[in-house]
Amino acid sequence: MITPFALQNLAEIMKMMKETELLIATLYETCADIWEEDRKFWMDTAAEENKHASNIEKMAHIIASRPEHFVLGRPFNMKALKTIQAGLEKEMARVQNGRITREQMLYLARDVETSLIEKSYSEIVKTKDLEYLSLVKDIVTETVKHKKNLEERIAQVKAGIL
């Protein structure tokens, strides 16, 4: 079972994870505004990032309401989350200011999708809670899909198809 102190710390971490997902969604929405030819792609991906944020919020609620079903897993570094958020904000400014190409942005998005933040949800706590695990599985499945879609789009852009 998670102690009240650990639960409070975990709630803060999950809040930052949610904020990070929302920042990723905003970055992708910004890309949709810049590259009209990719608008649908970016908006669809942003919508799924918003869903990830919602899933994290639900996950935090599940942990708070049933802490006896959870054991702390690998700790998550708040400083690392802040660094990721600062990096996302910097990249968003680069997109808005035209200092990144379409192809560079696709590579960047692929890297974001494979980053530590996207792969660690299942490691923060250990549980057999099916509702929680289902939400984690949704995030992981969609993230794998995002990476695959980005790799396909990169190949198409490089080949001059898109």
Protein backbone atom coordinates (compact mmCIF):
# COMPACT_ATOMS: atom_id res chain seq x y z
CA MET A 1 0.00 0.00 0.00
CA ILE A 2 1.13 3.53 -0.70
CA THR A 3 1.67 5.80 2.31
CA PRO A 4 -0.17 9.15 2.53
CA PHE A 5 3.11 11.03 1.96
CA ALA A 6 4.00 8.92 -1.07
CA LEU A 7 0.44 9.31 -2.35
CA GLN A 8 0.72 13.10 -2.19
CA ASN A 9 4.05 13.01 -4.03
CA LEU A 10 2.65 10.61 -6.62
CA ALA A 11 -0.34 12.93 -7.17
CA GLU A 12 2.06 15.80 -7.94
CA ILE A 13 4.04 13.67 -10.36
CA MET A 14 0.89 12.51 -12.15
CA LYS A 15 -0.32 16.12 -12.37
CA MET A 16 2.95 17.07 -14.07
CA MET A 17 2.68 14.06 -16.38
CA LYS A 18 -0.81 15.21 -17.37
CA GLU A 19 0.50 18.74 -17.99
CA THR A 20 3.27 17.29 -20.16
CA GLU A 21 0.76 15.36 -22.27
CA LEU A 22 -1.26 18.57 -22.70
CA LEU A 23 1.91 20.40 -23.79
CA ILE A 24 2.60 17.71 -26.37
CA ALA A 25 -0.97 18.10 -27.64
CA THR A 26 -0.51 21.87 -27.87
CA LEU A 27 2.75 21.40 -29.78
CA TYR A 28 0.98 19.14 -32.26
CA GLU A 29 -1.92 21.60 -32.59
CA THR A 30 0.63 24.31 -33.34
CA CYS A 31 2.08 22.08 -36.06
CA ALA A 32 -1.43 21.69 -37.50
CA ASP A 33 -1.66 25.48 -37.77
CA ILE A 34 1.73 25.78 -39.46
CA TRP A 35 1.64 22.86 -41.89
CA GLU A 36 -1.81 22.84 -43.47
CA GLU A 37 -0.92 19.79 -45.59
CA ASP A 38 -0.46 17.82 -42.35
CA ARG A 39 -3.34 19.42 -40.43
CA LYS A 40 -5.49 16.31 -40.01
CA PHE A 41 -2.49 14.18 -39.02
CA TRP A 42 -1.39 16.64 -36.32
CA MET A 43 -4.92 17.28 -35.01
CA ASP A 44 -5.68 13.55 -34.76
CA THR A 45 -2.43 12.97 -32.90
CA ALA A 46 -3.07 15.96 -30.62
CA ALA A 47 -6.53 14.60 -29.79
CA GLU A 48 -4.97 11.34 -28.66
CA GLU A 49 -2.43 13.24 -26.53
CA ASN A 50 -5.35 15.04 -24.88
CA LYS A 51 -6.88 11.62 -24.25
CA HIS A 52 -3.61 10.52 -22.62
CA ALA A 53 -3.86 13.51 -20.27
CA SER A 54 -7.40 12.48 -19.40
CA ASN A 55 -6.26 8.89 -18.81
CA ILE A 56 -3.53 10.10 -16.45
CA GLU A 57 -6.08 12.11 -14.50
CA LYS A 58 -8.26 8.98 -14.21
CA MET A 59 -5.23 6.92 -13.21
CA ALA A 60 -4.39 9.40 -10.42
CA HIS A 61 -7.98 9.24 -9.18
CA ILE A 62 -7.90 5.43 -9.16
CA ILE A 63 -4.67 5.42 -7.13
CA ALA A 64 -6.06 7.98 -4.68
CA SER A 65 -9.31 6.06 -4.23
CA ARG A 66 -7.72 2.60 -3.93
CA PRO A 67 -4.15 3.07 -2.63
CA GLU A 68 -4.20 -0.39 -1.08
CA HIS A 69 -4.12 -1.84 -4.63
CA PHE A 70 -0.84 -0.11 -5.51
CA VAL A 71 2.83 -0.35 -4.61
CA LEU A 72 5.32 2.32 -5.57
CA GLY A 73 7.40 1.31 -8.54
CA ARG A 74 10.23 3.17 -10.18
CA PRO A 75 10.38 6.75 -8.89
CA PHE A 76 9.78 9.48 -11.40
CA ASN A 77 12.00 12.54 -11.33
CA MET A 78 10.13 15.86 -11.10
CA LYS A 79 13.19 17.72 -12.37
CA ALA A 80 13.21 15.52 -15.48
CA LEU A 81 9.55 16.35 -16.09
CA LYS A 82 10.25 20.07 -15.77
CA THR A 83 13.15 19.72 -18.22
CA ILE A 84 10.89 17.90 -20.70
CA GLN A 85 8.24 20.60 -20.36
CA ALA A 86 10.80 23.38 -20.91
CA GLY A 87 12.07 21.55 -24.01
CA LEU A 88 8.54 21.22 -25.40
CA GLU A 89 7.90 24.94 -24.87
CA LYS A 90 11.18 25.77 -26.62
CA GLU A 91 10.27 23.57 -29.58
CA MET A 92 6.80 25.13 -29.76
CA ALA A 93 8.43 28.57 -30.03
CA ARG A 94 10.70 27.25 -32.81
CA VAL A 95 7.64 25.97 -34.72
CA GLN A 96 5.78 29.26 -34.27
CA ASN A 97 8.80 31.28 -35.39
CA GLY A 98 9.45 29.14 -38.46
CA ARG A 99 12.83 27.96 -37.15
CA ILE A 100 12.11 24.27 -37.69
CA THR A 101 11.30 22.49 -40.92
CA ARG A 102 8.39 20.15 -41.43
CA GLU A 103 10.73 17.16 -41.66
CA GLN A 104 12.65 18.21 -38.54
CA MET A 105 9.36 18.48 -36.66
CA LEU A 106 8.37 14.97 -37.69
CA TYR A 107 11.68 13.67 -36.34
CA LEU A 108 11.24 15.66 -33.15
CA ALA A 109 7.71 14.31 -32.65
CA ARG A 110 8.98 10.78 -33.17
CA ASP A 111 11.60 11.39 -30.50
CA VAL A 112 9.00 12.82 -28.14
CA GLU A 113 6.87 9.73 -28.60
CA THR A 114 9.75 7.45 -27.67
CA SER A 115 10.95 9.55 -24.73
CA LEU A 116 11.08 8.50 -21.12
CA ILE A 117 7.81 10.23 -20.28
CA GLU A 118 5.86 8.17 -22.82
CA LYS A 119 7.29 4.80 -21.79
CA SER A 120 7.21 4.93 -17.99
CA TYR A 121 3.54 5.01 -17.01
CA SER A 122 3.48 1.31 -16.26
CA GLU A 123 6.56 1.57 -14.04
CA ILE A 124 5.47 4.32 -11.63
CA VAL A 125 3.32 1.95 -9.60
CA LYS A 126 2.83 -1.78 -9.53
CA THR A 127 -0.73 -3.05 -9.48
CA LYS A 128 -3.16 -5.65 -10.68
CA ASP A 129 -5.99 -3.08 -10.82
CA LEU A 130 -7.61 -3.79 -14.18
CA GLU A 131 -9.09 -0.33 -14.68
CA TYR A 132 -5.70 1.31 -14.10
CA LEU A 133 -3.88 -1.19 -16.30
CA SER A 134 -6.41 -0.66 -19.09
CA LEU A 135 -5.73 3.09 -19.08
CA VAL A 136 -1.98 2.48 -19.19
CA LYS A 137 -2.43 0.01 -22.05
CA ASP A 138 -4.41 2.62 -24.03
CA ILE A 139 -1.60 5.16 -23.66
CA VAL A 140 1.11 2.66 -24.60
CA THR A 141 -0.85 1.32 -27.60
CA GLU A 142 -1.54 4.82 -28.94
CA THR A 143 2.06 5.88 -28.38
CA VAL A 144 3.33 2.92 -30.40
CA LYS A 145 0.83 3.88 -33.12
CA HIS A 146 2.04 7.52 -33.05
CA LYS A 147 5.65 6.44 -33.47
CA LYS A 148 4.74 4.14 -36.36
CA ASN A 149 2.63 6.86 -38.04
CA LEU A 150 5.44 9.37 -37.65
CA GLU A 151 8.01 6.98 -39.12
CA GLU A 152 5.73 6.35 -42.10
CA ARG A 153 5.15 10.07 -42.58
CA ILE A 154 8.90 10.79 -42.38
CA ALA A 155 9.53 8.18 -45.08
CA GLN A 156 6.80 9.67 -47.27
CA VAL A 157 8.12 13.22 -46.87
CA LYS A 158 11.69 12.09 -47.63
CA ALA A 159 10.44 10.25 -50.72
CA GLY A 160 8.55 13.33 -51.89
CA ILE A 161 5.17 11.55 -51.65
CA LEU A 162 3.78 14.08 -49.15
